[in-house]
Amino acid sequence: MKRPGIDGGFILCFFLNLIFGAFWALPAVALFVAHFVAGTPIWLGWAALGMWIVVEFAITAFLSWAVSNGDGNSAGTGTKGKATIRYSSQQHYDDE
């Protein structure tokens, strides 16, 4: 099967994970707002933002590593390069 035209590179996946996981940046935003409103230390906001980016990077790196360790057989049949017949009505026997 032909792969899609978009390059599935690590950087693209990382940025997509950042976009999809943007909800988890809300604690950092809340800490930045608290800094300007109540005078809390700004390093708390930067620390929360950094932790969010590090976690998203770790998730992307793990998924990239896991995909690269696959055997390359997208059908999941357990055979390399050979398609297995899944339905009994499609089986053909040589001795008939």
PDB file of N, CA and C in Angstrom:
ATOM      1  N   MET A   1       0.847  -1.170   0.000  1.00  0.00           N
ATOM      2  CA  MET A   1       0.000   0.000   0.000  1.00  0.00           C
ATOM      3  C   MET A   1       0.898   1.241   0.000  1.00  0.00           C
ATOM      4  N   LYS A   2       0.508   2.213  -0.773  1.00  0.00           N
ATOM      5  CA  LYS A   2       1.294   3.431  -0.857  1.00  0.00           C
ATOM      6  C   LYS A   2       1.046   4.306   0.357  1.00  0.00           C
ATOM      7  N   ARG A   3       2.111   4.897   0.852  1.00  0.00           N
ATOM      8  CA  ARG A   3       2.005   5.780   2.018  1.00  0.00           C
ATOM      9  C   ARG A   3       1.449   7.138   1.596  1.00  0.00           C
ATOM     10  N   PRO A   4       0.829   7.844   2.521  1.00  0.00           N
ATOM     11  CA  PRO A   4       0.309   9.183   2.186  1.00  0.00           C
ATOM     12  C   PRO A   4       1.423  10.132   1.775  1.00  0.00           C
ATOM     13  N   GLY A   5       1.050  11.194   1.090  1.00  0.00           N
ATOM     14  CA  GLY A   5       2.028  12.135   0.572  1.00  0.00           C
ATOM     15  C   GLY A   5       2.708  12.988   1.632  1.00  0.00           C
ATOM     16  N   ILE A   6       2.111  13.102   2.824  1.00  0.00           N
ATOM     17  CA  ILE A   6       2.717  13.924   3.864  1.00  0.00           C
ATOM     18  C   ILE A   6       3.848  13.148   4.507  1.00  0.00           C
ATOM     19  N   ASP A   7       5.000  13.771   4.634  1.00  0.00           N
ATOM     20  CA  ASP A   7       6.131  13.130   5.286  1.00  0.00           C
ATOM     21  C   ASP A   7       5.841  12.996   6.768  1.00  0.00           C
ATOM     22  N   GLY A   8       5.901  11.803   7.282  1.00  0.00           N
ATOM     23  CA  GLY A   8       5.594  11.563   8.688  1.00  0.00           C
ATOM     24  C   GLY A   8       6.815  11.736   9.555  1.00  0.00           C
ATOM     25  N   GLY A   9       7.534  12.833   9.399  1.00  0.00           N
ATOM     26  CA  GLY A   9       8.744  13.071  10.155  1.00  0.00           C
ATOM     27  C   GLY A   9       8.471  13.387  11.615  1.00  0.00           C
ATOM     28  N   PHE A  10       9.525  13.291  12.391  1.00  0.00           N
ATOM     29  CA  PHE A  10       9.424  13.484  13.829  1.00  0.00           C
ATOM     30  C   PHE A  10       8.975  14.893  14.187  1.00  0.00           C
ATOM     31  N   ILE A  11       9.516  15.901  13.518  1.00  0.00           N
ATOM     32  CA  ILE A  11       9.189  17.287  13.846  1.00  0.00           C
ATOM     33  C   ILE A  11       7.715  17.572  13.554  1.00  0.00           C
ATOM     34  N   LEU A  12       7.212  17.089  12.425  1.00  0.00           N
ATOM     35  CA  LEU A  12       5.806  17.276  12.092  1.00  0.00           C
ATOM     36  C   LEU A  12       4.916  16.617  13.149  1.00  0.00           C
ATOM     37  N   CYS A  13       5.251  15.403  13.539  1.00  0.00           N
ATOM     38  CA  CYS A  13       4.463  14.706  14.558  1.00  0.00           C
ATOM     39  C   CYS A  13       4.545  15.422  15.904  1.00  0.00           C
ATOM     40  N   PHE A  14       5.714  15.949  16.220  1.00  0.00           N
ATOM     41  CA  PHE A  14       5.871  16.668  17.480  1.00  0.00           C
ATOM     42  C   PHE A  14       4.984  17.915  17.508  1.00  0.00           C
ATOM     43  N   PHE A  15       4.981  18.678  16.417  1.00  0.00           N
ATOM     44  CA  PHE A  15       4.143  19.878  16.377  1.00  0.00           C
ATOM     45  C   PHE A  15       2.656  19.531  16.386  1.00  0.00           C
ATOM     46  N   LEU A  16       2.279  18.442  15.736  1.00  0.00           N
ATOM     47  CA  LEU A  16       0.884  18.020  15.786  1.00  0.00           C
ATOM     48  C   LEU A  16       0.497  17.589  17.197  1.00  0.00           C
ATOM     49  N   ASN A  17       1.400  16.912  17.902  1.00  0.00           N
ATOM     50  CA  ASN A  17       1.128  16.547  19.291  1.00  0.00           C
ATOM     51  C   ASN A  17       0.995  17.787  20.167  1.00  0.00           C
ATOM     52  N   LEU A  18       1.803  18.810  19.899  1.00  0.00           N
ATOM     53  CA  LEU A  18       1.671  20.052  20.656  1.00  0.00           C
ATOM     54  C   LEU A  18       0.318  20.708  20.410  1.00  0.00           C
ATOM     55  N   ILE A  19      -0.136  20.670  19.166  1.00  0.00           N
ATOM     56  CA  ILE A  19      -1.433  21.269  18.847  1.00  0.00           C
ATOM     57  C   ILE A  19      -2.560  20.479  19.501  1.00  0.00           C
ATOM     58  N   PHE A  20      -2.506  19.145  19.361  1.00  0.00           N
ATOM     59  CA  PHE A  20      -3.571  18.311  19.925  1.00  0.00           C
ATOM     60  C   PHE A  20      -3.559  18.313  21.448  1.00  0.00           C
ATOM     61  N   GLY A  21      -2.382  18.521  22.043  1.00  0.00           N
ATOM     62  CA  GLY A  21      -2.290  18.527  23.496  1.00  0.00           C
ATOM     63  C   GLY A  21      -2.233  19.917  24.093  1.00  0.00           C
ATOM     64  N   ALA A  22      -2.695  20.915  23.353  1.00  0.00           N
ATOM     65  CA  ALA A  22      -2.632  22.303  23.826  1.00  0.00           C
ATOM     66  C   ALA A  22      -3.461  22.528  25.084  1.00  0.00           C
ATOM     67  N   PHE A  23      -4.450  21.689  25.299  1.00  0.00           N
ATOM     68  CA  PHE A  23      -5.260  21.810  26.508  1.00  0.00           C
ATOM     69  C   PHE A  23      -4.402  21.661  27.765  1.00  0.00           C
ATOM     70  N   TRP A  24      -3.355  20.846  27.678  1.00  0.00           N
ATOM     71  CA  TRP A  24      -2.501  20.597  28.842  1.00  0.00           C
ATOM     72  C   TRP A  24      -1.550  21.748  29.129  1.00  0.00           C
ATOM     73  N   ALA A  25      -1.567  22.791  28.308  1.00  0.00           N
ATOM     74  CA  ALA A  25      -0.768  23.987  28.571  1.00  0.00           C
ATOM     75  C   ALA A  25      -1.536  24.995  29.419  1.00  0.00           C
ATOM     76  N   LEU A  26      -2.783  24.705  29.727  1.00  0.00           N
ATOM     77  CA  LEU A  26      -3.582  25.637  30.521  1.00  0.00           C
ATOM     78  C   LEU A  26      -3.014  25.912  31.908  1.00  0.00           C
ATOM     79  N   PRO A  27      -2.417  24.944  32.612  1.00  0.00           N
ATOM     80  CA  PRO A  27      -1.796  25.304  33.892  1.00  0.00           C
ATOM     81  C   PRO A  27      -0.698  26.357  33.751  1.00  0.00           C
ATOM     82  N   ALA A  28       0.080  26.274  32.672  1.00  0.00           N
ATOM     83  CA  ALA A  28       1.116  27.284  32.451  1.00  0.00           C
ATOM     84  C   ALA A  28       0.488  28.647  32.187  1.00  0.00           C
ATOM     85  N   VAL A  29      -0.571  28.662  31.407  1.00  0.00           N
ATOM     86  CA  VAL A  29      -1.262  29.930  31.128  1.00  0.00           C
ATOM     87  C   VAL A  29      -1.828  30.507  32.421  1.00  0.00           C
ATOM     88  N   ALA A  30      -2.416  29.649  33.246  1.00  0.00           N
ATOM     89  CA  ALA A  30      -2.962  30.114  34.527  1.00  0.00           C
ATOM     90  C   ALA A  30      -1.863  30.675  35.425  1.00  0.00           C
ATOM     91  N   LEU A  31      -0.694  30.059  35.420  1.00  0.00           N
ATOM     92  CA  LEU A  31       0.410  30.560  36.238  1.00  0.00           C
ATOM     93  C   LEU A  31       0.954  31.881  35.701  1.00  0.00           C
ATOM     94  N   PHE A  32       0.961  32.049  34.385  1.00  0.00           N
ATOM     95  CA  PHE A  32       1.381  33.336  33.826  1.00  0.00           C
ATOM     96  C   PHE A  32       0.378  34.436  34.186  1.00  0.00           C
ATOM     97  N   VAL A  33      -0.901  34.118  34.123  1.00  0.00           N
ATOM     98  CA  VAL A  33      -1.920  35.091  34.516  1.00  0.00           C
ATOM     99  C   VAL A  33      -1.785  35.418  35.998  1.00  0.00           C
ATOM    100  N   ALA A  34      -1.542  34.398  36.816  1.00  0.00           N
ATOM    101  CA  ALA A  34      -1.367  34.629  38.254  1.00  0.00           C
ATOM    102  C   ALA A  34      -0.145  35.496  38.530  1.00  0.00           C
ATOM    103  N   HIS A  35       0.878  35.394  37.695  1.00  0.00           N
ATOM    104  CA  HIS A  35       2.060  36.241  37.864  1.00  0.00           C
ATOM    105  C   HIS A  35       1.698  37.721  37.655  1.00  0.00           C
ATOM    106  N   PHE A  36       0.936  38.001  36.607  1.00  0.00           N
ATOM    107  CA  PHE A  36       0.616  39.389  36.308  1.00  0.00           C
ATOM    108  C   PHE A  36      -0.477  39.949  37.217  1.00  0.00           C
ATOM    109  N   VAL A  37      -1.335  39.072  37.745  1.00  0.00           N
ATOM    110  CA  VAL A  37      -2.417  39.545  38.602  1.00  0.00           C
ATOM    111  C   VAL A  37      -1.996  39.577  40.066  1.00  0.00           C
ATOM    112  N   ALA A  38      -1.428  38.481  40.544  1.00  0.00           N
ATOM    113  CA  ALA A  38      -1.154  38.361  41.976  1.00  0.00           C
ATOM    114  C   ALA A  38       0.326  38.452  42.328  1.00  0.00           C
ATOM    115  N   GLY A  39       1.183  38.491  41.337  1.00  0.00           N
ATOM    116  CA  GLY A  39       2.607  38.653  41.617  1.00  0.00           C
ATOM    117  C   GLY A  39       3.336  37.361  41.979  1.00  0.00           C
ATOM    118  N   THR A  40       2.803  36.199  41.590  1.00  0.00           N
ATOM    119  CA  THR A  40       3.522  34.946  41.835  1.00  0.00           C
ATOM    120  C   THR A  40       4.774  34.909  40.965  1.00  0.00           C
ATOM    121  N   PRO A  41       5.760  34.100  41.335  1.00  0.00           N
ATOM    122  CA  PRO A  41       6.991  34.044  40.525  1.00  0.00           C
ATOM    123  C   PRO A  41       6.709  33.551  39.103  1.00  0.00           C
ATOM    124  N   ILE A  42       7.343  34.200  38.140  1.00  0.00           N
ATOM    125  CA  ILE A  42       7.104  33.852  36.739  1.00  0.00           C
ATOM    126  C   ILE A  42       7.771  32.529  36.371  1.00  0.00           C
ATOM    127  N   TRP A  43       8.761  32.108  37.152  1.00  0.00           N
ATOM    128  CA  TRP A  43       9.436  30.858  36.821  1.00  0.00           C
ATOM    129  C   TRP A  43       8.494  29.667  36.972  1.00  0.00           C
ATOM    130  N   LEU A  44       7.436  29.809  37.755  1.00  0.00           N
ATOM    131  CA  LEU A  44       6.460  28.728  37.866  1.00  0.00           C
ATOM    132  C   LEU A  44       5.733  28.509  36.529  1.00  0.00           C
ATOM    133  N   GLY A  45       5.394  29.587  35.862  1.00  0.00           N
ATOM    134  CA  GLY A  45       4.758  29.482  34.551  1.00  0.00           C
ATOM    135  C   GLY A  45       5.690  28.876  33.518  1.00  0.00           C
ATOM    136  N   TRP A  46       6.951  29.330  33.534  1.00  0.00           N
ATOM    137  CA  TRP A  46       7.928  28.776  32.597  1.00  0.00           C
ATOM    138  C   TRP A  46       8.197  27.307  32.888  1.00  0.00           C
ATOM    139  N   ALA A  47       8.225  26.930  34.161  1.00  0.00           N
ATOM    140  CA  ALA A  47       8.450  25.528  34.526  1.00  0.00           C
ATOM    141  C   ALA A  47       7.288  24.654  34.049  1.00  0.00           C
ATOM    142  N   ALA A  48       6.060  25.125  34.235  1.00  0.00           N
ATOM    143  CA  ALA A  48       4.897  24.358  33.778  1.00  0.00           C
ATOM    144  C   ALA A  48       4.884  24.241  32.252  1.00  0.00           C
ATOM    145  N   LEU A  49       5.220  25.311  31.561  1.00  0.00           N
ATOM    146  CA  LEU A  49       5.284  25.281  30.103  1.00  0.00           C
ATOM    147  C   LEU A  49       6.378  24.326  29.631  1.00  0.00           C
ATOM    148  N   GLY A  50       7.524  24.376  30.275  1.00  0.00           N
ATOM    149  CA  GLY A  50       8.623  23.476  29.922  1.00  0.00           C
ATOM    150  C   GLY A  50       8.289  22.018  30.181  1.00  0.00           C
ATOM    151  N   MET A  51       7.616  21.749  31.298  1.00  0.00           N
ATOM    152  CA  MET A  51       7.236  20.368  31.591  1.00  0.00           C
ATOM    153  C   MET A  51       6.243  19.849  30.555  1.00  0.00           C
ATOM    154  N   TRP A  52       5.316  20.690  30.115  1.00  0.00           N
ATOM    155  CA  TRP A  52       4.361  20.283  29.087  1.00  0.00           C
ATOM    156  C   TRP A  52       5.085  19.938  27.786  1.00  0.00           C
ATOM    157  N   ILE A  53       6.035  20.777  27.384  1.00  0.00           N
ATOM    158  CA  ILE A  53       6.769  20.522  26.142  1.00  0.00           C
ATOM    159  C   ILE A  53       7.620  19.268  26.270  1.00  0.00           C
ATOM    160  N   VAL A  54       8.262  19.053  27.407  1.00  0.00           N
ATOM    161  CA  VAL A  54       9.093  17.859  27.602  1.00  0.00           C
ATOM    162  C   VAL A  54       8.239  16.593  27.568  1.00  0.00           C
ATOM    163  N   VAL A  55       7.071  16.633  28.191  1.00  0.00           N
ATOM    164  CA  VAL A  55       6.197  15.455  28.181  1.00  0.00           C
ATOM    165  C   VAL A  55       5.710  15.158  26.758  1.00  0.00           C
ATOM    166  N   GLU A  56       5.314  16.176  26.028  1.00  0.00           N
ATOM    167  CA  GLU A  56       4.876  15.965  24.642  1.00  0.00           C
ATOM    168  C   GLU A  56       6.026  15.428  23.790  1.00  0.00           C
ATOM    169  N   PHE A  57       7.240  15.914  24.011  1.00  0.00           N
ATOM    170  CA  PHE A  57       8.407  15.419  23.281  1.00  0.00           C
ATOM    171  C   PHE A  57       8.665  13.957  23.622  1.00  0.00           C
ATOM    172  N   ALA A  58       8.550  13.601  24.889  1.00  0.00           N
ATOM    173  CA  ALA A  58       8.782  12.212  25.305  1.00  0.00           C
ATOM    174  C   ALA A  58       7.738  11.279  24.704  1.00  0.00           C
ATOM    175  N   ILE A  59       6.489  11.711  24.671  1.00  0.00           N
ATOM    176  CA  ILE A  59       5.440  10.884  24.068  1.00  0.00           C
ATOM    177  C   ILE A  59       5.705  10.688  22.579  1.00  0.00           C
ATOM    178  N   THR A  60       6.062  11.762  21.882  1.00  0.00           N
ATOM    179  CA  THR A  60       6.350  11.666  20.455  1.00  0.00           C
ATOM    180  C   THR A  60       7.560  10.781  20.204  1.00  0.00           C
ATOM    181  N   ALA A  61       8.603  10.923  21.014  1.00  0.00           N
ATOM    182  CA  ALA A  61       9.797  10.102  20.837  1.00  0.00           C
ATOM    183  C   ALA A  61       9.487   8.621  21.078  1.00  0.00           C
ATOM    184  N   PHE A  62       8.687   8.331  22.096  1.00  0.00           N
ATOM    185  CA  PHE A  62       8.334   6.941  22.372  1.00  0.00           C
ATOM    186  C   PHE A  62       7.523   6.344  21.234  1.00  0.00           C
ATOM    187  N   LEU A  63       6.532   7.086  20.733  1.00  0.00           N
ATOM    188  CA  LEU A  63       5.722   6.573  19.633  1.00  0.00           C
ATOM    189  C   LEU A  63       6.544   6.400  18.364  1.00  0.00           C
ATOM    190  N   SER A  64       7.460   7.320  18.102  1.00  0.00           N
ATOM    191  CA  SER A  64       8.341   7.195  16.945  1.00  0.00           C
ATOM    192  C   SER A  64       9.232   5.972  17.068  1.00  0.00           C
ATOM    193  N   TRP A  65       9.751   5.727  18.258  1.00  0.00           N
ATOM    194  CA  TRP A  65      10.581   4.550  18.497  1.00  0.00           C
ATOM    195  C   TRP A  65       9.765   3.270  18.335  1.00  0.00           C
ATOM    196  N   ALA A  66       8.549   3.271  18.866  1.00  0.00           N
ATOM    197  CA  ALA A  66       7.709   2.077  18.793  1.00  0.00           C
ATOM    198  C   ALA A  66       7.344   1.743  17.355  1.00  0.00           C
ATOM    199  N   VAL A  67       7.049   2.754  16.549  1.00  0.00           N
ATOM    200  CA  VAL A  67       6.704   2.509  15.158  1.00  0.00           C
ATOM    201  C   VAL A  67       7.923   2.024  14.385  1.00  0.00           C
ATOM    202  N   SER A  68       9.093   2.529  14.692  1.00  0.00           N
ATOM    203  CA  SER A  68      10.288   2.122  13.955  1.00  0.00           C
ATOM    204  C   SER A  68      10.700   0.691  14.270  1.00  0.00           C
ATOM    205  N   ASN A  69      10.199   0.123  15.353  1.00  0.00           N
ATOM    206  CA  ASN A  69      10.537  -1.255  15.699  1.00  0.00           C
ATOM    207  C   ASN A  69       9.559  -2.264  15.124  1.00  0.00           C
ATOM    208  N   GLY A  70       8.640  -1.822  14.289  1.00  0.00           N
ATOM    209  CA  GLY A  70       7.699  -2.739  13.665  1.00  0.00           C
ATOM    210  C   GLY A  70       8.397  -3.588  12.622  1.00  0.00           C
ATOM    211  N   ASP A  71       7.756  -4.706  12.235  1.00  0.00           N
ATOM    212  CA  ASP A  71       8.369  -5.594  11.248  1.00  0.00           C
ATOM    213  C   ASP A  71       8.049  -5.193   9.815  1.00  0.00           C
ATOM    214  N   GLY A  72       7.280  -4.125   9.628  1.00  0.00           N
ATOM    215  CA  GLY A  72       7.003  -3.631   8.291  1.00  0.00           C
ATOM    216  C   GLY A  72       5.823  -4.310   7.631  1.00  0.00           C
ATOM    217  N   ASN A  73       5.165  -5.223   8.311  1.00  0.00           N
ATOM    218  CA  ASN A  73       4.026  -5.918   7.737  1.00  0.00           C
ATOM    219  C   ASN A  73       2.758  -5.237   8.229  1.00  0.00           C
ATOM    220  N   SER A  74       2.165  -4.413   7.393  1.00  0.00           N
ATOM    221  CA  SER A  74       1.010  -3.641   7.825  1.00  0.00           C
ATOM    222  C   SER A  74      -0.257  -4.482   7.909  1.00  0.00           C
ATOM    223  N   ALA A  75      -0.276  -5.652   7.278  1.00  0.00           N
ATOM    224  CA  ALA A  75      -1.472  -6.486   7.303  1.00  0.00           C
ATOM    225  C   ALA A  75      -1.634  -7.199   8.633  1.00  0.00           C
ATOM    226  N   GLY A  76      -0.551  -7.371   9.358  1.00  0.00           N
ATOM    227  CA  GLY A  76      -0.623  -8.043  10.643  1.00  0.00           C
ATOM    228  C   GLY A  76      -0.839  -9.538  10.529  1.00  0.00           C
ATOM    229  N   THR A  77      -0.400 -10.132   9.434  1.00  0.00           N
ATOM    230  CA  THR A  77      -0.654 -11.550   9.215  1.00  0.00           C
ATOM    231  C   THR A  77       0.417 -12.431   9.824  1.00  0.00           C
ATOM    232  N   GLY A  78       1.545 -11.875  10.188  1.00  0.00           N
ATOM    233  CA  GLY A  78       2.615 -12.679  10.755  1.00  0.00           C
ATOM    234  C   GLY A  78       3.555 -13.233   9.702  1.00  0.00           C
ATOM    235  N   THR A  79       3.278 -13.017   8.448  1.00  0.00           N
ATOM    236  CA  THR A  79       4.159 -13.469   7.377  1.00  0.00           C
ATOM    237  C   THR A  79       4.747 -12.248   6.708  1.00  0.00           C
ATOM    238  N   LYS A  80       5.968 -12.352   6.293  1.00  0.00           N
ATOM    239  CA  LYS A  80       6.619 -11.209   5.656  1.00  0.00           C
ATOM    240  C   LYS A  80       6.391 -11.260   4.152  1.00  0.00           C
ATOM    241  N   GLY A  81       5.597 -10.310   3.669  1.00  0.00           N
ATOM    242  CA  GLY A  81       5.397 -10.185   2.239  1.00  0.00           C
ATOM    243  C   GLY A  81       4.316 -11.083   1.671  1.00  0.00           C
ATOM    244  N   LYS A  82       3.823 -12.057   2.399  1.00  0.00           N
ATOM    245  CA  LYS A  82       2.784 -12.940   1.897  1.00  0.00           C
ATOM    246  C   LYS A  82       1.465 -12.589   2.556  1.00  0.00           C
ATOM    247  N   ALA A  83       0.450 -12.491   1.759  1.00  0.00           N
ATOM    248  CA  ALA A  83      -0.881 -12.239   2.302  1.00  0.00           C
ATOM    249  C   ALA A  83      -1.535 -13.573   2.620  1.00  0.00           C
ATOM    250  N   THR A  84      -2.137 -13.677   3.755  1.00  0.00           N
ATOM    251  CA  THR A  84      -2.852 -14.899   4.094  1.00  0.00           C
ATOM    252  C   THR A  84      -4.326 -14.719   3.787  1.00  0.00           C
ATOM    253  N   ILE A  85      -4.966 -15.797   3.479  1.00  0.00           N
ATOM    254  CA  ILE A  85      -6.386 -15.766   3.184  1.00  0.00           C
ATOM    255  C   ILE A  85      -7.128 -15.852   4.500  1.00  0.00           C
ATOM    256  N   ARG A  86      -7.989 -14.897   4.747  1.00  0.00           N
ATOM    257  CA  ARG A  86      -8.634 -14.799   6.048  1.00  0.00           C
ATOM    258  C   ARG A  86      -9.971 -15.518   6.113  1.00  0.00           C
ATOM    259  N   TYR A  87     -10.646 -15.725   5.001  1.00  0.00           N
ATOM    260  CA  TYR A  87     -11.980 -16.298   5.020  1.00  0.00           C
ATOM    261  C   TYR A  87     -11.948 -17.666   4.351  1.00  0.00           C
ATOM    262  N   SER A  88     -12.662 -18.606   4.912  1.00  0.00           N
ATOM    263  CA  SER A  88     -12.641 -19.964   4.389  1.00  0.00           C
ATOM    264  C   SER A  88     -13.252 -20.041   2.999  1.00  0.00           C
ATOM    265  N   SER A  89     -14.166 -19.130   2.667  1.00  0.00           N
ATOM    266  CA  SER A  89     -14.776 -19.166   1.336  1.00  0.00           C
ATOM    267  C   SER A  89     -13.780 -18.742   0.261  1.00  0.00           C
ATOM    268  N   GLN A  90     -12.678 -18.139   0.646  1.00  0.00           N
ATOM    269  CA  GLN A  90     -11.689 -17.694  -0.333  1.00  0.00           C
ATOM    270  C   GLN A  90     -10.510 -18.647  -0.444  1.00  0.00           C
ATOM    271  N   GLN A  91     -10.505 -19.704   0.319  1.00  0.00           N
ATOM    272  CA  GLN A  91      -9.373 -20.624   0.265  1.00  0.00           C
ATOM    273  C   GLN A  91      -9.442 -21.486  -0.978  1.00  0.00           C
ATOM    274  N   HIS A  92      -8.306 -21.662  -1.594  1.00  0.00           N
ATOM    275  CA  HIS A  92      -8.187 -22.509  -2.772  1.00  0.00           C
ATOM    276  C   HIS A  92      -7.234 -23.628  -2.425  1.00  0.00           C
ATOM    277  N   TYR A  93      -7.657 -24.851  -2.698  1.00  0.00           N
ATOM    278  CA  TYR A  93      -6.845 -26.012  -2.386  1.00  0.00           C
ATOM    279  C   TYR A  93      -6.246 -26.546  -3.673  1.00  0.00           C
ATOM    280  N   ASP A  94      -4.949 -26.839  -3.632  1.00  0.00           N
ATOM    281  CA  ASP A  94      -4.252 -27.310  -4.823  1.00  0.00           C
ATOM    282  C   ASP A  94      -4.637 -28.739  -5.190  1.00  0.00           C
ATOM    283  N   ASP A  95      -5.056 -29.563  -4.234  1.00  0.00           N
ATOM    284  CA  ASP A  95      -5.328 -30.967  -4.528  1.00  0.00           C
ATOM    285  C   ASP A  95      -6.716 -31.202  -5.106  1.00  0.00           C
ATOM    286  N   GLU A  96      -7.529 -30.212  -5.315  1.00  0.00           N
ATOM    287  CA  GLU A  96      -8.861 -30.398  -5.911  1.00  0.00           C
ATOM    288  C   GLU A  96      -8.821 -30.336  -7.389  1.00  0.00           C
TER     289      GLU A  96
END
